[in-house]
Protein backbone atom coordinates (compact mmCIF):
# COMPACT_ATOMS: atom_id res chain seq x y z
CA UNK A 1 -226.11 -25.41 51.67
CA UNK A 2 -229.14 -24.71 49.45
CA UNK A 3 -231.64 -27.51 48.95
CA UNK A 4 -231.21 -29.12 45.51
CA UNK A 5 -233.80 -28.29 42.91
CA UNK A 6 -235.30 -25.38 44.89
CA UNK A 7 -235.00 -23.24 41.78
CA UNK A 8 -237.01 -25.72 39.72
CA UNK A 9 -239.57 -26.03 42.50
CA UNK A 10 -240.01 -22.26 42.56
CA UNK A 11 -240.60 -22.17 38.80
CA UNK A 12 -243.13 -25.00 39.07
CA UNK A 13 -244.89 -23.20 41.92
CA UNK A 14 -245.02 -19.99 39.89
CA UNK A 15 -246.49 -21.88 36.92
CA UNK A 16 -249.16 -23.44 39.15
CA UNK A 17 -250.09 -20.05 40.60
CA UNK A 18 -250.25 -18.58 37.10
CA UNK A 19 -252.47 -21.39 35.86
CA UNK A 20 -254.93 -21.21 38.75
CA UNK A 21 -254.86 -17.55 39.71
CA UNK A 22 -253.59 -15.63 36.70
CA UNK A 23 -250.64 -13.22 36.56
CA UNK A 24 -251.67 -11.32 39.70
CA UNK A 25 -251.24 -14.51 41.75
CA UNK A 26 -247.54 -14.79 40.89
CA UNK A 27 -245.92 -12.89 43.74
CA UNK A 28 -242.58 -13.64 45.39
CA UNK A 29 -244.23 -14.28 48.76
CA UNK A 30 -246.80 -16.68 47.34
CA UNK A 31 -244.30 -18.51 45.13
CA UNK A 32 -241.95 -19.06 48.06
CA UNK A 33 -244.80 -20.16 50.34
CA UNK A 34 -245.80 -22.83 47.83
CA UNK A 35 -242.46 -24.59 48.40
CA UNK A 36 -242.27 -23.88 52.13
CA UNK A 37 -239.56 -21.24 51.81
CA UNK A 38 -239.18 -17.59 52.74
CA UNK A 39 -239.62 -14.83 50.19
CA UNK A 40 -235.84 -14.42 50.10
CA UNK A 41 -235.60 -17.77 48.27
CA UNK A 42 -236.95 -16.14 45.11
CA UNK A 43 -234.26 -13.47 45.21
CA UNK A 44 -231.54 -15.94 46.17
CA UNK A 45 -232.24 -18.15 43.17
CA UNK A 46 -233.32 -15.54 40.59
CA UNK A 47 -231.97 -12.18 41.75
CA UNK A 48 -235.24 -10.41 41.03
CA UNK A 49 -238.80 -11.02 39.84
CA UNK A 50 -237.85 -10.19 36.27
CA UNK A 51 -235.54 -13.19 36.15
CA UNK A 52 -238.30 -15.40 37.59
CA UNK A 53 -240.57 -14.25 34.77
CA UNK A 54 -237.82 -15.15 32.29
CA UNK A 55 -237.68 -18.63 33.83
CA UNK A 56 -241.47 -18.97 33.63
CA UNK A 57 -241.46 -18.02 29.96
CA UNK A 58 -238.51 -20.29 29.19
CA UNK A 59 -240.25 -23.23 30.85
CA UNK A 60 -243.36 -22.45 28.83
CA UNK A 61 -241.34 -22.70 25.63
CA UNK A 62 -239.69 -25.92 26.84
CA UNK A 63 -243.12 -27.43 27.41
CA UNK A 64 -244.26 -26.22 24.01
CA UNK A 65 -241.18 -27.76 22.42
CA UNK A 66 -241.83 -31.07 24.18
CA UNK A 67 -245.41 -31.03 22.95
CA UNK A 68 -244.30 -30.43 19.38
CA UNK A 69 -241.61 -33.12 19.64
CA UNK A 70 -244.28 -35.58 20.79
CA UNK A 71 -246.24 -35.17 17.54
CA UNK A 72 -245.84 -38.36 15.54
CA UNK A 73 -244.00 -38.08 12.25
CA UNK A 74 -245.58 -40.05 9.41
CA UNK A 75 -245.09 -40.55 5.69
CA UNK A 76 -247.45 -37.61 5.06
CA UNK A 77 -245.38 -34.44 5.61
CA UNK A 78 -248.33 -32.10 5.09
CA UNK A 79 -250.39 -33.94 7.70
CA UNK A 80 -247.44 -33.76 10.07
CA UNK A 81 -247.19 -30.00 9.54
CA UNK A 82 -250.92 -29.66 10.23
CA UNK A 83 -250.64 -31.73 13.39
CA UNK A 84 -247.79 -29.57 14.64
CA UNK A 85 -250.01 -26.52 14.21
CA UNK A 86 -252.81 -28.20 16.13
CA UNK A 87 -250.43 -29.20 18.93
CA UNK A 88 -249.19 -25.61 19.13
CA UNK A 89 -252.78 -24.39 19.40
CA UNK A 90 -253.56 -26.99 22.07
CA UNK A 91 -250.62 -25.77 24.17
CA UNK A 92 -252.04 -22.24 24.11
CA UNK A 93 -255.58 -23.40 24.85
CA UNK A 94 -254.43 -25.49 27.80
CA UNK A 95 -252.20 -22.71 29.18
CA UNK A 96 -253.68 -19.36 28.07
CA UNK A 97 -252.10 -17.20 30.78
CA UNK A 98 -248.72 -18.88 30.35
CA UNK A 99 -248.94 -18.44 26.58
CA UNK A 100 -249.56 -14.71 26.97
CA UNK A 101 -246.65 -14.39 29.38
CA UNK A 102 -244.34 -16.37 27.08
CA UNK A 103 -244.77 -13.79 24.35
CA UNK A 104 -244.83 -10.73 26.59
CA UNK A 105 -248.50 -10.00 25.93
CA UNK A 106 -249.17 -10.15 29.68
CA UNK A 107 -246.83 -8.91 32.39
CA UNK A 108 -246.28 -10.39 35.84
CA UNK A 109 -245.78 -7.64 38.37
CA UNK A 110 -244.82 -5.29 35.57
CA UNK A 111 -242.21 -7.71 34.19
CA UNK A 112 -242.16 -9.23 30.72
CA UNK A 113 -239.63 -11.77 29.41
CA UNK A 114 -236.36 -10.27 28.23
CA UNK A 115 -233.30 -11.76 26.53
CA UNK A 116 -230.46 -12.43 28.96
CA UNK A 117 -226.72 -12.85 28.94
CA UNK A 118 -226.37 -16.66 29.06
CA UNK A 119 -223.23 -16.29 31.17
CA UNK A 120 -225.24 -14.74 34.01
CA UNK A 121 -228.76 -16.09 33.48
CA UNK A 122 -229.66 -19.63 32.38
CA UNK A 123 -233.16 -18.81 31.17
CA UNK A 124 -233.20 -16.88 27.91
CA UNK A 125 -236.78 -17.17 26.58
CA UNK A 126 -235.63 -16.21 23.08
CA UNK A 127 -233.17 -19.10 22.90
CA UNK A 128 -235.72 -21.64 24.12
CA UNK A 129 -238.38 -20.23 21.79
CA UNK A 130 -236.11 -20.66 18.79
CA UNK A 131 -235.49 -24.24 19.82
CA UNK A 132 -239.26 -24.90 19.83
CA UNK A 133 -239.52 -23.09 16.50
CA UNK A 134 -237.06 -25.61 15.06
CA UNK A 135 -239.73 -28.33 14.96
CA UNK A 136 -241.82 -26.21 12.61
CA UNK A 137 -238.81 -25.37 10.46
CA UNK A 138 -237.93 -29.07 10.17
CA UNK A 139 -241.50 -29.89 9.15
CA UNK A 140 -241.46 -27.23 6.42
CA UNK A 141 -238.13 -28.55 5.18
CA UNK A 142 -239.65 -32.04 4.93
CA UNK A 143 -242.63 -30.70 2.98
CA UNK A 144 -240.25 -28.87 0.65
CA UNK A 145 -238.01 -31.92 0.18
CA UNK A 146 -241.08 -33.97 -0.73
CA UNK A 147 -241.83 -31.53 -3.54
CA UNK A 148 -245.20 -30.53 -2.10
CA UNK A 149 -244.31 -26.85 -2.32
CA UNK A 150 -241.75 -25.09 -4.45
CA UNK A 151 -238.26 -24.64 -2.96
CA UNK A 152 -238.31 -22.03 -0.22
CA UNK A 153 -236.08 -21.19 2.72
CA UNK A 154 -237.63 -23.41 5.44
CA UNK A 155 -236.98 -20.97 8.28
CA UNK A 156 -238.56 -18.14 6.33
CA UNK A 157 -241.68 -20.13 5.45
CA UNK A 158 -241.92 -21.49 8.99
CA UNK A 159 -241.75 -17.93 10.35
CA UNK A 160 -244.70 -16.95 8.16
CA UNK A 161 -246.73 -19.95 9.31
CA UNK A 162 -245.81 -19.32 12.95
CA UNK A 163 -246.81 -15.67 12.69
CA UNK A 164 -250.20 -16.57 11.25
CA UNK A 165 -250.75 -19.34 13.80
CA UNK A 166 -249.71 -17.12 16.70
CA UNK A 167 -252.12 -14.38 15.65
CA UNK A 168 -254.98 -16.85 15.38
CA UNK A 169 -254.19 -18.43 18.74
CA UNK A 170 -254.03 -15.10 20.57
CA UNK A 171 -257.39 -14.08 19.16
CA UNK A 172 -258.90 -17.47 19.94
CA UNK A 173 -257.83 -17.55 23.60
CA UNK A 174 -259.13 -13.98 23.90
CA UNK A 175 -262.57 -15.29 22.96
CA UNK A 176 -262.74 -14.52 19.26
CA UNK A 177 -263.49 -16.94 16.39
CA UNK A 178 -266.14 -18.91 18.30
CA UNK A 179 -266.19 -22.70 18.38
CA UNK A 180 -265.50 -23.27 14.69
CA UNK A 181 -262.41 -21.11 14.32
CA UNK A 182 -260.17 -23.95 13.17
CA UNK A 183 -262.44 -24.87 10.26
CA UNK A 184 -263.53 -21.34 9.44
CA UNK A 185 -260.30 -19.39 9.94
CA UNK A 186 -257.17 -21.35 10.81
CA UNK A 187 -257.30 -24.15 8.22
CA UNK A 188 -258.09 -21.92 5.22
CA UNK A 189 -255.54 -19.32 6.37
CA UNK A 190 -252.78 -21.91 6.48
CA UNK A 191 -253.85 -23.34 3.13
CA UNK A 192 -253.74 -19.86 1.61
CA UNK A 193 -250.18 -19.42 2.84
CA UNK A 194 -249.12 -22.82 1.53
CA UNK A 195 -250.91 -22.21 -1.76
CA UNK A 196 -248.76 -19.13 -2.15
CA UNK A 197 -245.77 -21.47 -1.93
CA UNK A 198 -247.14 -23.70 -4.64
CA UNK A 199 -249.13 -26.29 -2.69
CA UNK A 200 -252.25 -27.66 -4.35
CA UNK A 201 -254.63 -29.70 -2.22
CA UNK A 202 -256.42 -32.68 -3.70
CA UNK A 203 -255.60 -34.77 -6.78
């Protein structure tokens, strides 16, 4: 009988290898060795390396979602939206290789995350990503309900903000924007998007 939680241990081991050695360090042999198992354990629990990469990406999105959920909600919806953006950025800064893998920018052994049939694979990165995206959509809906921007479809506005934030984050973790990117690029970019939806900062 298989040891309980071996699958979760393998994903955790893969994430540790990714964080400390980059994508090239995530190999079936090394992942299995980290948990004291044979290489076959990876194939027993995932079928192939592609499915392990799906599980890595899905766990990355789960951790992102948990980080966004941990952002305090206050009576200032615009501040809450800003803090969500900063938490999102912090997740990428703390886990740059994982962030790239989550979005398929970087491959592991030639594999990038792919949507799966949920009846055969429990880790669909797209499903988990959309769950994390829900926190941003909820924040936009709160901003809209408070009358801070004109009525818009929250998911549509959130997608625009996410796209802008994602582009900034990828450039930042690649070494662009310097040390003042938030003040010089990210903050004004987000304000420009919100201004297009009717937001006016200040009195």
